[in-house]
Structure formats: C-alpha cells, structure tokens
C-alpha cells in the first residue's frame, strides 16, 4: 500500500464517509481550500492507481468507492508511525501521551482493564 499525500488522505476520509461518490459529490464535501474539479478528478484517479479506490462507470462518469477500509488504513498508518517515531514500542507511545498530558489516569486504568480482560 503506497503512502498517501495529505490531500489524498483528506479525499479518502470523504470517500469512507460517503461510501460511493462522484467527483462533484466529493468536491461539495471539501470545506477549505477547494481544488478545481479537474485537480480533484486527478487526485481521485491517483488514489485508484495506488489501489485505494475503484469505480463504477456510468457512461463517461465514474462513481468512486473505497477498496481499502478506513480500519486497514488506520492500522497501517499507526504501525508506521509507531515504528518510525516510537522505536516500535507501544509503551513509548503511551508514555509520550502521558507526558504530553493527552491521556488521563482514568483512561490509563481503562486501558489496563481492557488488556487484563483480554487474557
């Protein structure tokens, strides 16, 4: 699975939410910094080339849909980030969020409970 640009990832989030969409539908969902229709069409075709989306043809118009689930992408994204930034250590990830005060003691207790209940 090839890495996505920020814009491609933004478009994928829209496609995951809509499930099926024409270029005009995706364009209407973009709030800030709207690309030109042709630019968006090129981005979506790049997503197709990278194996993230496919389409159903209706004459000359294509309705696009994701073929990579958001869950699969999230797993790959998280694994890559953990490998690159945290030396493949989930402990380092949790420690980072604790030090940054992005996770509370209660949330950590919930995580421990989840782990203990899986055994």
Protein backbone atom coordinates (compact mmCIF):
# COMPACT_ATOMS: atom_id res chain seq x y z
CA UNK A 1 0.00 0.00 0.00
CA UNK A 2 1.55 3.29 -1.11
CA UNK A 3 1.68 6.28 1.21
CA UNK A 4 -0.96 8.96 0.69
CA UNK A 5 -0.40 12.70 0.46
CA UNK A 6 -2.33 14.88 2.91
CA UNK A 7 -4.81 15.84 0.18
CA UNK A 8 -5.29 12.21 -0.87
CA UNK A 9 -5.91 11.26 2.75
CA UNK A 10 -8.47 14.07 3.06
CA UNK A 11 -10.26 12.73 -0.02
CA UNK A 12 -10.19 9.17 1.34
CA UNK A 13 -11.87 10.34 4.56
CA UNK A 14 -14.64 11.83 2.43
CA UNK A 15 -14.99 8.63 0.38
CA UNK A 16 -15.05 6.48 3.52
CA UNK A 17 -17.81 8.68 4.91
CA UNK A 18 -19.86 8.79 1.68
CA UNK A 19 -19.08 5.16 0.67
CA UNK A 20 -19.78 5.94 -3.02
CA UNK A 21 -19.40 9.30 -4.71
CA UNK A 22 -18.95 11.12 -7.97
CA UNK A 23 -16.21 13.77 -8.16
CA UNK A 24 -18.82 16.53 -7.76
CA UNK A 25 -20.04 14.89 -4.51
CA UNK A 26 -16.52 14.80 -3.09
CA UNK A 27 -15.94 18.41 -4.16
CA UNK A 28 -19.07 19.55 -2.33
CA UNK A 29 -17.74 17.96 0.89
CA UNK A 30 -14.44 19.85 0.88
CA UNK A 31 -14.75 22.80 3.24
CA UNK A 32 -11.45 24.69 2.91
CA UNK A 33 -9.06 25.15 0.02
CA UNK A 34 -11.34 23.57 -2.61
CA UNK A 35 -9.36 22.26 -5.57
CA UNK A 36 -10.54 22.75 -9.14
CA UNK A 37 -12.81 19.93 -10.37
CA UNK A 38 -10.12 18.62 -12.76
CA UNK A 39 -7.49 18.67 -10.00
CA UNK A 40 -9.79 16.68 -7.70
CA UNK A 41 -10.51 14.23 -10.51
CA UNK A 42 -6.75 13.70 -10.93
CA UNK A 43 -6.29 13.14 -7.19
CA UNK A 44 -9.04 10.51 -7.20
CA UNK A 45 -7.52 8.79 -10.24
CA UNK A 46 -4.18 8.75 -8.35
CA UNK A 47 -5.98 7.05 -5.47
CA UNK A 48 -7.23 4.49 -7.97
CA UNK A 49 -3.69 3.97 -9.32
CA UNK A 50 -2.43 3.48 -5.75
CA UNK A 51 -5.10 0.83 -5.14
CA UNK A 52 -7.27 2.74 -2.66
CA UNK A 53 -10.40 3.29 -4.76
CA UNK A 54 -12.24 1.76 -7.67
CA UNK A 55 -15.27 2.92 -9.63
CA UNK A 56 -18.46 2.03 -11.39
CA UNK A 57 -18.76 3.61 -14.83
CA UNK A 58 -21.95 5.36 -15.87
CA UNK A 59 -21.19 6.39 -19.44
CA UNK A 60 -18.33 8.88 -19.19
CA UNK A 61 -18.96 9.47 -15.47
CA UNK A 62 -17.40 7.42 -12.71
CA UNK A 63 -18.77 6.76 -9.25
CA UNK A 64 -15.84 6.06 -6.94
CA UNK A 65 -15.76 3.91 -3.83
CA UNK A 66 -13.01 2.89 -1.38
CA UNK A 67 -11.50 -0.57 -1.72
CA UNK A 68 -9.21 -0.09 1.29
CA UNK A 69 -11.17 0.17 4.52
CA UNK A 70 -10.58 3.01 6.95
CA UNK A 71 -9.71 0.39 9.59
CA UNK A 72 -7.00 -1.21 7.40
CA UNK A 73 -5.55 2.20 6.57
CA UNK A 74 -5.60 3.23 10.24
CA UNK A 75 -3.71 0.06 11.25
CA UNK A 76 -1.04 0.64 8.60
CA UNK A 77 -0.75 4.32 9.46
CA UNK A 78 -0.45 3.64 13.20
CA UNK A 79 2.04 0.82 12.75
CA UNK A 80 4.23 3.01 10.53
CA UNK A 81 4.08 5.93 12.99
CA UNK A 82 4.89 3.67 15.95
CA UNK A 83 7.78 2.07 14.07
CA UNK A 84 9.24 5.40 12.91
CA UNK A 85 8.66 7.64 15.92
CA UNK A 86 8.48 5.32 18.92
CA UNK A 87 11.04 2.59 18.11
CA UNK A 88 8.21 0.07 17.60
CA UNK A 89 7.30 0.40 21.28
CA UNK A 90 3.70 0.80 22.35
CA UNK A 91 4.97 1.63 25.84
CA UNK A 92 6.79 4.61 24.32
CA UNK A 93 3.53 5.70 22.64
CA UNK A 94 1.57 5.62 25.89
CA UNK A 95 4.43 7.33 27.76
CA UNK A 96 4.50 10.07 25.14
CA UNK A 97 0.79 10.78 25.58
CA UNK A 98 1.10 10.65 29.36
CA UNK A 99 4.00 13.14 29.34
CA UNK A 100 2.08 15.42 26.97
CA UNK A 101 -0.91 15.16 29.32
CA UNK A 102 -3.07 13.87 26.47
CA UNK A 103 -4.22 10.84 28.47
CA UNK A 104 -5.63 10.78 31.98
CA UNK A 105 -5.00 8.34 34.82
CA UNK A 106 -8.60 7.13 34.46
CA UNK A 107 -8.05 6.47 30.75
CA UNK A 108 -4.85 4.57 31.53
CA UNK A 109 -6.78 2.48 34.07
CA UNK A 110 -9.38 1.73 31.37
CA UNK A 111 -6.60 0.61 29.02
CA UNK A 112 -5.14 -1.66 31.71
CA UNK A 113 -8.59 -3.11 32.35
CA UNK A 114 -9.05 -3.78 28.61
CA UNK A 115 -5.70 -5.58 28.49
CA UNK A 116 -6.43 -7.62 31.62
CA UNK A 117 -9.87 -8.65 30.35
CA UNK A 118 -8.41 -9.93 27.05
CA UNK A 119 -6.33 -12.55 28.87
